[in-house]
Amino acid sequence: MSFDPFKITEPTCISFSGGRTSAYMLWRVIQSGGGQLPCQAIVCFANTGKEDEATLKFVQDCSEQWNVPITWLEYAEVDYTIVNFETASRNGEPFEALIRKRNYLPNPVTMFCTSELKIRPIGRYLLSLGMAETKTEAENMSMIGMRADEQRRAAKIEDKSRIPLVTAGITKEDVGAFWRSQPFDLGLPNNNGVTMHGNCDLCFLKGGAQVLSLIAEKPERAIWWAKMEALALASKPSGAVFRSDRPSYASMLQYSKEQINLFDPNEEAIACFCGD
């Protein structure tokens, strides 16, 4: 019998980012479990409050279409909060609370947002369930939606059982083909296997041209990000902006109105562990 990297035989958390890749991973786990989620597994979605509405709907659709319970978590200053599709934050509230607590903004060098908004709330929840005995164990027991064409990200994961799509050789083309055959899908454009609109809507790790394009498409996306930079919380200027090597979000909003593009369209996004 061939090895099945999606077969779960011990307590495992499936970290569902709300994207097509992690949803496909969840589907493969369900198939390996005989059409249902294995009793040793739970599924968690950590909401930052800056996901597109389509992402939230997709998480809910996966839960309903596949009859699988998904726990929605949000960062809280002391612990975490359990929410659902109806009560989930939609205006960046968890993210803003974290920024105000840290008193500076995350940036490409200090990317504390993923760990604080996603990894740690899930880890705390797993500890509360008794699925792990230590904080470190809890934060490193989640299955992550990472593909075989993301080798630079995959190389950072020591425990390869956490990235079954890599082990199975699944690429963005495989994921795209799967969703084209399904009766429902994430309601965001799929550009050659990449969801530009995914995760935090104007994440500072996305390419400049990509961010500007997203602002031009929907200018109100820039309001929250510009507001956070306007707080000028940090004592050092570099901590008061998301990117010191790029115009502010307020400036990019203005550039989009004037149809000015200063960015290289081929600039690659910086990889993080929010997942797809």
C-alpha atoms as a PDB file:
ATOM      1  CA  MET A   1       0.000   0.000   0.000  1.00  0.00           C
ATOM      2  CA  SER A   2       1.428   3.385  -0.981  1.00  0.00           C
ATOM      3  CA  PHE A   3       2.079   6.077   1.617  1.00  0.00           C
ATOM      4  CA  ASP A   4      -0.748   8.618   1.989  1.00  0.00           C
ATOM      5  CA  PRO A   5       0.531  11.959   3.386  1.00  0.00           C
ATOM      6  CA  PHE A   6      -3.060  13.111   3.957  1.00  0.00           C
ATOM      7  CA  LYS A   7      -4.004  10.258   6.279  1.00  0.00           C
ATOM      8  CA  ILE A   8      -4.282  11.516   9.842  1.00  0.00           C
ATOM      9  CA  THR A   9      -3.568   9.042  12.657  1.00  0.00           C
ATOM     10  CA  GLU A  10      -2.759  11.393  15.548  1.00  0.00           C
ATOM     11  CA  PRO A  11      -4.104  14.706  16.916  1.00  0.00           C
ATOM     12  CA  THR A  12      -3.700  17.250  14.123  1.00  0.00           C
ATOM     13  CA  CYS A  13      -4.917  20.762  13.403  1.00  0.00           C
ATOM     14  CA  ILE A  14      -5.579  21.647   9.779  1.00  0.00           C
ATOM     15  CA  SER A  15      -4.743  25.315   9.409  1.00  0.00           C
ATOM     16  CA  PHE A  16      -7.195  26.633   6.832  1.00  0.00           C
ATOM     17  CA  SER A  17      -6.098  30.022   5.464  1.00  0.00           C
ATOM     18  CA  GLY A  18      -9.271  30.502   3.459  1.00  0.00           C
ATOM     19  CA  GLY A  19      -7.527  30.006   0.124  1.00  0.00           C
ATOM     20  CA  ARG A  20      -7.878  27.375  -2.586  1.00  0.00           C
ATOM     21  CA  THR A  21      -4.687  25.505  -1.682  1.00  0.00           C
ATOM     22  CA  SER A  22      -5.465  24.895   1.986  1.00  0.00           C
ATOM     23  CA  ALA A  23      -9.075  24.070   1.055  1.00  0.00           C
ATOM     24  CA  TYR A  24      -7.802  21.460  -1.391  1.00  0.00           C
ATOM     25  CA  MET A  25      -5.563  20.046   1.352  1.00  0.00           C
ATOM     26  CA  LEU A  26      -8.600  19.795   3.626  1.00  0.00           C
ATOM     27  CA  TRP A  27     -10.537  17.967   0.887  1.00  0.00           C
ATOM     28  CA  ARG A  28      -7.695  15.457   0.469  1.00  0.00           C
ATOM     29  CA  VAL A  29      -7.676  14.816   4.234  1.00  0.00           C
ATOM     30  CA  ILE A  30     -11.436  14.222   4.132  1.00  0.00           C
ATOM     31  CA  GLN A  31     -11.034  11.768   1.236  1.00  0.00           C
ATOM     32  CA  SER A  32      -8.301   9.907   3.115  1.00  0.00           C
ATOM     33  CA  GLY A  33     -10.674   9.711   6.069  1.00  0.00           C
ATOM     34  CA  GLY A  34     -13.272   7.860   4.044  1.00  0.00           C
ATOM     35  CA  GLY A  35     -15.297  10.967   3.188  1.00  0.00           C
ATOM     36  CA  GLN A  36     -15.271  12.591   6.599  1.00  0.00           C
ATOM     37  CA  LEU A  37     -12.869  14.481   8.817  1.00  0.00           C
ATOM     38  CA  PRO A  38     -10.867  12.014  10.953  1.00  0.00           C
ATOM     39  CA  CYS A  39     -11.781  12.108  14.641  1.00  0.00           C
ATOM     40  CA  GLN A  40      -8.183  13.058  15.532  1.00  0.00           C
ATOM     41  CA  ALA A  41      -8.361  16.226  13.427  1.00  0.00           C
ATOM     42  CA  ILE A  42      -9.794  19.697  13.843  1.00  0.00           C
ATOM     43  CA  VAL A  43      -9.895  22.563  11.334  1.00  0.00           C
ATOM     44  CA  CYS A  44      -9.101  26.155  12.324  1.00  0.00           C
ATOM     45  CA  PHE A  45      -9.403  29.414  10.419  1.00  0.00           C
ATOM     46  CA  ALA A  46      -7.703  32.477  11.963  1.00  0.00           C
ATOM     47  CA  ASN A  47      -9.363  35.687  10.807  1.00  0.00           C
ATOM     48  CA  THR A  48      -7.351  38.932  10.808  1.00  0.00           C
ATOM     49  CA  GLY A  49     -10.292  41.132   9.881  1.00  0.00           C
ATOM     50  CA  LYS A  50      -8.627  42.134   6.605  1.00  0.00           C
ATOM     51  CA  GLU A  51      -9.663  39.145   4.503  1.00  0.00           C
ATOM     52  CA  ASP A  52     -11.911  39.742   1.523  1.00  0.00           C
ATOM     53  CA  GLU A  53     -15.578  38.948   2.118  1.00  0.00           C
ATOM     54  CA  ALA A  54     -15.279  36.261  -0.558  1.00  0.00           C
ATOM     55  CA  THR A  55     -12.672  34.487   1.588  1.00  0.00           C
ATOM     56  CA  LEU A  56     -14.995  34.386   4.579  1.00  0.00           C
ATOM     57  CA  LYS A  57     -17.806  33.047   2.411  1.00  0.00           C
ATOM     58  CA  PHE A  58     -15.495  30.390   0.974  1.00  0.00           C
ATOM     59  CA  VAL A  59     -14.563  29.148   4.454  1.00  0.00           C
ATOM     60  CA  GLN A  60     -18.240  28.885   5.292  1.00  0.00           C
ATOM     61  CA  ASP A  61     -19.016  27.176   1.977  1.00  0.00           C
ATOM     62  CA  CYS A  62     -16.321  24.545   2.547  1.00  0.00           C
ATOM     63  CA  SER A  63     -17.741  23.826   5.984  1.00  0.00           C
ATOM     64  CA  GLU A  64     -21.278  23.433   4.658  1.00  0.00           C
ATOM     65  CA  GLN A  65     -20.502  21.697   1.353  1.00  0.00           C
ATOM     66  CA  TRP A  66     -18.186  19.132   2.945  1.00  0.00           C
ATOM     67  CA  ASN A  67     -20.035  18.854   6.256  1.00  0.00           C
ATOM     68  CA  VAL A  68     -16.910  19.631   8.263  1.00  0.00           C
ATOM     69  CA  PRO A  69     -16.792  21.824  11.393  1.00  0.00           C
ATOM     70  CA  ILE A  70     -14.377  24.757  11.138  1.00  0.00           C
ATOM     71  CA  THR A  71     -13.426  26.761  14.227  1.00  0.00           C
ATOM     72  CA  TRP A  72     -13.068  30.491  13.501  1.00  0.00           C
ATOM     73  CA  LEU A  73     -10.518  32.217  15.748  1.00  0.00           C
ATOM     74  CA  GLU A  74      -9.417  35.818  16.157  1.00  0.00           C
ATOM     75  CA  TYR A  75      -6.524  37.407  18.013  1.00  0.00           C
ATOM     76  CA  ALA A  76      -7.321  38.902  21.414  1.00  0.00           C
ATOM     77  CA  GLU A  77      -4.843  40.780  23.577  1.00  0.00           C
ATOM     78  CA  VAL A  78      -4.793  38.130  26.289  1.00  0.00           C
ATOM     79  CA  ASP A  79      -5.943  34.982  24.514  1.00  0.00           C
ATOM     80  CA  TYR A  80      -8.196  34.412  21.503  1.00  0.00           C
ATOM     81  CA  THR A  81     -11.840  34.823  20.566  1.00  0.00           C
ATOM     82  CA  ILE A  82     -14.047  32.228  18.879  1.00  0.00           C
ATOM     83  CA  VAL A  83     -16.281  33.755  16.205  1.00  0.00           C
ATOM     84  CA  ASN A  84     -18.226  32.528  13.182  1.00  0.00           C
ATOM     85  CA  PHE A  85     -19.159  33.718   9.702  1.00  0.00           C
ATOM     86  CA  GLU A  86     -21.754  36.153  11.031  1.00  0.00           C
ATOM     87  CA  THR A  87     -19.701  37.590  13.910  1.00  0.00           C
ATOM     88  CA  ALA A  88     -16.215  37.598  12.315  1.00  0.00           C
ATOM     89  CA  SER A  89     -14.409  40.951  12.171  1.00  0.00           C
ATOM     90  CA  ARG A  90     -14.470  42.620   8.780  1.00  0.00           C
ATOM     91  CA  ASN A  91     -12.751  45.947   9.445  1.00  0.00           C
ATOM     92  CA  GLY A  92      -9.322  44.851  10.646  1.00  0.00           C
ATOM     93  CA  GLU A  93     -10.221  44.968  14.356  1.00  0.00           C
ATOM     94  CA  PRO A  94      -7.934  42.091  15.496  1.00  0.00           C
ATOM     95  CA  PHE A  95      -5.065  43.408  13.367  1.00  0.00           C
ATOM     96  CA  GLU A  96      -5.470  46.954  14.686  1.00  0.00           C
ATOM     97  CA  ALA A  97      -5.609  45.711  18.283  1.00  0.00           C
ATOM     98  CA  LEU A  98      -2.288  43.911  17.745  1.00  0.00           C
ATOM     99  CA  ILE A  99      -0.686  46.983  16.155  1.00  0.00           C
ATOM    100  CA  ARG A 100      -1.768  49.217  19.026  1.00  0.00           C
ATOM    101  CA  LYS A 101      -0.419  46.698  21.548  1.00  0.00           C
ATOM    102  CA  ARG A 102       2.949  46.457  19.774  1.00  0.00           C
ATOM    103  CA  ASN A 103       3.038  50.214  19.165  1.00  0.00           C
ATOM    104  CA  TYR A 104       4.571  49.784  15.717  1.00  0.00           C
ATOM    105  CA  LEU A 105       3.656  48.263  12.384  1.00  0.00           C
ATOM    106  CA  PRO A 106       4.774  44.883  11.029  1.00  0.00           C
ATOM    107  CA  ASN A 107       7.135  45.067   8.057  1.00  0.00           C
ATOM    108  CA  PRO A 108       9.131  42.701   5.809  1.00  0.00           C
ATOM    109  CA  VAL A 109      11.871  42.418   8.444  1.00  0.00           C
ATOM    110  CA  THR A 110       9.603  42.054  11.479  1.00  0.00           C
ATOM    111  CA  MET A 111       6.577  40.115  10.232  1.00  0.00           C
ATOM    112  CA  PHE A 112       4.913  39.551  13.583  1.00  0.00           C
ATOM    113  CA  CYS A 113       1.414  39.663  12.117  1.00  0.00           C
ATOM    114  CA  THR A 114       1.292  36.041  10.916  1.00  0.00           C
ATOM    115  CA  SER A 115       2.581  34.597  14.192  1.00  0.00           C
ATOM    116  CA  GLU A 116       0.429  36.803  16.424  1.00  0.00           C
ATOM    117  CA  LEU A 117      -2.783  36.822  14.374  1.00  0.00           C
ATOM    118  CA  LYS A 118      -2.749  33.237  13.135  1.00  0.00           C
ATOM    119  CA  ILE A 119      -0.186  30.835  14.609  1.00  0.00           C
ATOM    120  CA  ARG A 120      -0.476  31.784  18.280  1.00  0.00           C
ATOM    121  CA  PRO A 121      -4.285  32.024  18.528  1.00  0.00           C
ATOM    122  CA  ILE A 122      -4.529  28.562  16.973  1.00  0.00           C
ATOM    123  CA  GLY A 123      -1.798  27.293  19.303  1.00  0.00           C
ATOM    124  CA  ARG A 124      -3.593  28.648  22.365  1.00  0.00           C
ATOM    125  CA  TYR A 125      -6.818  27.023  21.210  1.00  0.00           C
ATOM    126  CA  LEU A 126      -5.098  23.650  20.791  1.00  0.00           C
ATOM    127  CA  LEU A 127      -3.659  23.949  24.303  1.00  0.00           C
ATOM    128  CA  SER A 128      -7.131  24.667  25.675  1.00  0.00           C
ATOM    129  CA  LEU A 129      -8.381  21.464  24.050  1.00  0.00           C
ATOM    130  CA  GLY A 130      -5.538  19.433  25.509  1.00  0.00           C
ATOM    131  CA  MET A 131      -4.255  18.530  22.034  1.00  0.00           C
ATOM    132  CA  ALA A 132      -0.762  19.686  22.993  1.00  0.00           C
ATOM    133  CA  GLU A 133       1.169  19.946  26.232  1.00  0.00           C
ATOM    134  CA  THR A 134       3.401  22.921  25.492  1.00  0.00           C
ATOM    135  CA  LYS A 135       3.100  26.193  23.612  1.00  0.00           C
ATOM    136  CA  THR A 136       5.839  25.180  21.171  1.00  0.00           C
ATOM    137  CA  GLU A 137       4.179  21.836  20.464  1.00  0.00           C
ATOM    138  CA  ALA A 138       0.820  23.530  19.940  1.00  0.00           C
ATOM    139  CA  GLU A 139       2.254  26.076  17.516  1.00  0.00           C
ATOM    140  CA  ASN A 140       3.993  23.395  15.452  1.00  0.00           C
ATOM    141  CA  MET A 141       1.331  20.736  15.029  1.00  0.00           C
ATOM    142  CA  SER A 142      -0.745  22.372  12.308  1.00  0.00           C
ATOM    143  CA  MET A 143      -0.978  20.999   8.784  1.00  0.00           C
ATOM    144  CA  ILE A 144      -0.248  23.871   6.368  1.00  0.00           C
ATOM    145  CA  GLY A 145      -1.460  24.436   2.815  1.00  0.00           C
ATOM    146  CA  MET A 146       1.899  24.712   1.104  1.00  0.00           C
ATOM    147  CA  ARG A 147       2.458  23.357  -2.419  1.00  0.00           C
ATOM    148  CA  ALA A 148       5.342  21.565  -4.118  1.00  0.00           C
ATOM    149  CA  ASP A 149       6.031  24.667  -6.250  1.00  0.00           C
ATOM    150  CA  GLU A 150       6.746  26.653  -3.073  1.00  0.00           C
ATOM    151  CA  GLN A 151      10.071  25.034  -2.239  1.00  0.00           C
ATOM    152  CA  ARG A 152      11.598  28.118  -0.635  1.00  0.00           C
ATOM    153  CA  ARG A 153       8.781  28.173   1.905  1.00  0.00           C
ATOM    154  CA  ALA A 154       8.758  24.399   2.281  1.00  0.00           C
ATOM    155  CA  ALA A 155      12.472  24.316   3.097  1.00  0.00           C
ATOM    156  CA  LYS A 156      11.742  26.204   6.313  1.00  0.00           C
ATOM    157  CA  ILE A 157       9.407  23.485   7.600  1.00  0.00           C
ATOM    158  CA  GLU A 158      11.413  20.814   9.388  1.00  0.00           C
ATOM    159  CA  ASP A 159       8.508  18.422   9.960  1.00  0.00           C
ATOM    160  CA  LYS A 160       7.441  17.490   6.437  1.00  0.00           C
ATOM    161  CA  SER A 161       4.294  15.751   7.694  1.00  0.00           C
ATOM    162  CA  ARG A 162       2.920  19.272   8.179  1.00  0.00           C
ATOM    163  CA  ILE A 163       3.074  19.981   4.424  1.00  0.00           C
ATOM    164  CA  PRO A 164       1.407  16.975   2.744  1.00  0.00           C
ATOM    165  CA  LEU A 165       0.837  18.809  -0.551  1.00  0.00           C
ATOM    166  CA  VAL A 166       4.609  19.135  -0.943  1.00  0.00           C
ATOM    167  CA  THR A 167       5.112  15.432  -0.204  1.00  0.00           C
ATOM    168  CA  ALA A 168       2.386  14.576  -2.735  1.00  0.00           C
ATOM    169  CA  GLY A 169       3.946  16.834  -5.385  1.00  0.00           C
ATOM    170  CA  ILE A 170       0.824  19.007  -5.688  1.00  0.00           C
ATOM    171  CA  THR A 171       1.342  22.227  -7.661  1.00  0.00           C
ATOM    172  CA  LYS A 172      -0.793  25.319  -8.272  1.00  0.00           C
ATOM    173  CA  GLU A 173      -1.859  23.788 -11.592  1.00  0.00           C
ATOM    174  CA  ASP A 174      -3.233  20.743  -9.751  1.00  0.00           C
ATOM    175  CA  VAL A 175      -5.107  22.945  -7.317  1.00  0.00           C
ATOM    176  CA  GLY A 176      -6.517  25.062 -10.141  1.00  0.00           C
ATOM    177  CA  ALA A 177      -7.693  21.996 -12.058  1.00  0.00           C
ATOM    178  CA  PHE A 178      -9.422  20.654  -8.946  1.00  0.00           C
ATOM    179  CA  TRP A 179     -11.425  23.825  -8.354  1.00  0.00           C
ATOM    180  CA  ARG A 180     -12.450  24.090 -11.993  1.00  0.00           C
ATOM    181  CA  SER A 181     -14.187  20.746 -11.532  1.00  0.00           C
ATOM    182  CA  GLN A 182     -16.035  21.640  -8.325  1.00  0.00           C
ATOM    183  CA  PRO A 183     -19.602  22.926  -7.903  1.00  0.00           C
ATOM    184  CA  PHE A 184     -18.363  25.884  -5.809  1.00  0.00           C
ATOM    185  CA  ASP A 185     -15.178  27.945  -5.631  1.00  0.00           C
ATOM    186  CA  LEU A 186     -13.490  30.890  -3.964  1.00  0.00           C
ATOM    187  CA  GLY A 187     -15.075  33.992  -5.475  1.00  0.00           C
ATOM    188  CA  LEU A 188     -11.733  35.692  -6.204  1.00  0.00           C
ATOM    189  CA  PRO A 189      -9.810  35.727  -9.512  1.00  0.00           C
ATOM    190  CA  ASN A 190      -7.323  32.921 -10.119  1.00  0.00           C
ATOM    191  CA  ASN A 191      -4.361  34.333 -12.073  1.00  0.00           C
ATOM    192  CA  ASN A 192      -2.172  31.428 -13.174  1.00  0.00           C
ATOM    193  CA  GLY A 193      -2.724  29.723  -9.857  1.00  0.00           C
ATOM    194  CA  VAL A 194      -2.185  32.875  -7.794  1.00  0.00           C
ATOM    195  CA  THR A 195      -4.987  34.627  -5.908  1.00  0.00           C
ATOM    196  CA  MET A 196      -3.935  38.295  -5.879  1.00  0.00           C
ATOM    197  CA  HIS A 197      -6.850  39.231  -3.664  1.00  0.00           C
ATOM    198  CA  GLY A 198      -6.135  36.501  -1.114  1.00  0.00           C
ATOM    199  CA  ASN A 199      -5.173  36.754   2.552  1.00  0.00           C
ATOM    200  CA  CYS A 200      -5.013  40.319   3.907  1.00  0.00           C
ATOM    201  CA  ASP A 201      -6.359  42.419   1.053  1.00  0.00           C
ATOM    202  CA  LEU A 202      -3.420  44.856   0.714  1.00  0.00           C
ATOM    203  CA  CYS A 203      -0.739  42.875   2.546  1.00  0.00           C
ATOM    204  CA  PHE A 204       2.552  44.787   2.523  1.00  0.00           C
ATOM    205  CA  LEU A 205       4.317  41.632   1.273  1.00  0.00           C
ATOM    206  CA  LYS A 206       2.450  41.764  -2.042  1.00  0.00           C
ATOM    207  CA  GLY A 207       4.233  43.372  -4.980  1.00  0.00           C
ATOM    208  CA  GLY A 208       3.842  47.137  -5.329  1.00  0.00           C
ATOM    209  CA  ALA A 209       2.140  46.931  -8.719  1.00  0.00           C
ATOM    210  CA  GLN A 210      -0.226  44.312  -7.324  1.00  0.00           C
ATOM    211  CA  VAL A 211      -1.156  46.496  -4.342  1.00  0.00           C
ATOM    212  CA  LEU A 212      -1.689  49.520  -6.588  1.00  0.00           C
ATOM    213  CA  SER A 213      -3.880  47.464  -8.910  1.00  0.00           C
ATOM    214  CA  LEU A 214      -5.999  46.272  -5.990  1.00  0.00           C
ATOM    215  CA  ILE A 215      -6.404  49.850  -4.759  1.00  0.00           C
ATOM    216  CA  ALA A 216      -7.393  51.051  -8.230  1.00  0.00           C
ATOM    217  CA  GLU A 217      -9.968  48.276  -8.426  1.00  0.00           C
ATOM    218  CA  LYS A 218     -11.464  49.127  -5.033  1.00  0.00           C
ATOM    219  CA  PRO A 219     -10.059  52.365  -3.490  1.00  0.00           C
ATOM    220  CA  GLU A 220     -11.699  51.787  -0.100  1.00  0.00           C
ATOM    221  CA  ARG A 221      -9.285  48.898   0.442  1.00  0.00           C
ATOM    222  CA  ALA A 222      -6.544  51.446   1.167  1.00  0.00           C
ATOM    223  CA  ILE A 223      -8.415  53.284   3.920  1.00  0.00           C
ATOM    224  CA  TRP A 224      -7.565  50.939   6.799  1.00  0.00           C
ATOM    225  CA  TRP A 225      -3.913  50.581   5.786  1.00  0.00           C
ATOM    226  CA  ALA A 226      -3.506  54.357   5.423  1.00  0.00           C
ATOM    227  CA  LYS A 227      -5.184  54.824   8.800  1.00  0.00           C
ATOM    228  CA  MET A 228      -2.705  52.473  10.477  1.00  0.00           C
ATOM    229  CA  GLU A 229       0.259  54.348   8.988  1.00  0.00           C
ATOM    230  CA  ALA A 230      -1.308  57.670  10.016  1.00  0.00           C
ATOM    231  CA  LEU A 231      -1.211  56.544  13.652  1.00  0.00           C
ATOM    232  CA  ALA A 232       2.576  57.107  13.585  1.00  0.00           C
ATOM    233  CA  LEU A 233       2.888  54.933  16.655  1.00  0.00           C
ATOM    234  CA  ALA A 234       6.573  54.051  16.590  1.00  0.00           C
ATOM    235  CA  SER A 235       9.426  56.240  17.806  1.00  0.00           C
ATOM    236  CA  LYS A 236      11.452  55.231  14.745  1.00  0.00           C
ATOM    237  CA  PRO A 237      10.059  56.255  11.322  1.00  0.00           C
ATOM    238  CA  SER A 238      10.621  52.732   9.952  1.00  0.00           C
ATOM    239  CA  GLY A 239       8.171  51.357  12.500  1.00  0.00           C
ATOM    240  CA  ALA A 240       5.435  53.802  11.553  1.00  0.00           C
ATOM    241  CA  VAL A 241       5.012  52.421   8.013  1.00  0.00           C
ATOM    242  CA  PHE A 242       4.504  48.938   6.623  1.00  0.00           C
ATOM    243  CA  ARG A 243       7.233  49.435   3.996  1.00  0.00           C
ATOM    244  CA  SER A 244       9.978  52.055   4.181  1.00  0.00           C
ATOM    245  CA  ASP A 245      11.043  51.224   0.613  1.00  0.00           C
ATOM    246  CA  ARG A 246       7.650  52.060  -0.867  1.00  0.00           C
ATOM    247  CA  PRO A 247       5.233  55.021  -0.884  1.00  0.00           C
ATOM    248  CA  SER A 248       2.675  55.129   1.900  1.00  0.00           C
ATOM    249  CA  TYR A 249      -0.763  53.608   1.392  1.00  0.00           C
ATOM    250  CA  ALA A 250      -2.242  57.123   1.346  1.00  0.00           C
ATOM    251  CA  SER A 251       0.165  58.027  -1.477  1.00  0.00           C
ATOM    252  CA  MET A 252      -0.658  54.866  -3.387  1.00  0.00           C
ATOM    253  CA  LEU A 253      -4.347  55.679  -3.084  1.00  0.00           C
ATOM    254  CA  GLN A 254      -3.635  59.048  -4.663  1.00  0.00           C
ATOM    255  CA  TYR A 255      -1.444  57.474  -7.375  1.00  0.00           C
ATOM    256  CA  SER A 256      -4.257  55.094  -8.256  1.00  0.00           C
ATOM    257  CA  LYS A 257      -6.631  58.024  -8.746  1.00  0.00           C
ATOM    258  CA  GLU A 258      -4.103  59.747 -10.992  1.00  0.00           C
ATOM    259  CA  GLN A 259      -3.335  56.457 -12.784  1.00  0.00           C
ATOM    260  CA  ILE A 260       0.347  56.692 -11.891  1.00  0.00           C
ATOM    261  CA  ASN A 261       2.259  53.407 -11.569  1.00  0.00           C
ATOM    262  CA  LEU A 262       5.799  53.574 -10.198  1.00  0.00           C
ATOM    263  CA  PHE A 263       6.229  49.837  -9.656  1.00  0.00           C
ATOM    264  CA  ASP A 264       7.828  46.996 -11.575  1.00  0.00           C
ATOM    265  CA  PRO A 265       4.975  44.731 -12.702  1.00  0.00           C
ATOM    266  CA  ASN A 266       7.313  41.724 -12.362  1.00  0.00           C
ATOM    267  CA  GLU A 267       8.118  42.372  -8.684  1.00  0.00           C
ATOM    268  CA  GLU A 268       7.556  39.181  -6.727  1.00  0.00           C
ATOM    269  CA  ALA A 269       5.596  39.065  -3.532  1.00  0.00           C
ATOM    270  CA  ILE A 270       7.558  38.219  -0.383  1.00  0.00           C
ATOM    271  CA  ALA A 271       6.618  34.786   0.942  1.00  0.00           C
ATOM    272  CA  CYS A 272       5.043  34.458   4.357  1.00  0.00           C
ATOM    273  CA  PHE A 273       3.264  31.669   6.209  1.00  0.00           C
ATOM    274  CA  CYS A 274      -0.289  32.937   5.897  1.00  0.00           C
ATOM    275  CA  GLY A 275      -0.793  30.326   3.160  1.00  0.00           C
ATOM    276  CA  ASP A 276      -3.145  30.215   0.198  1.00  0.00           C
END
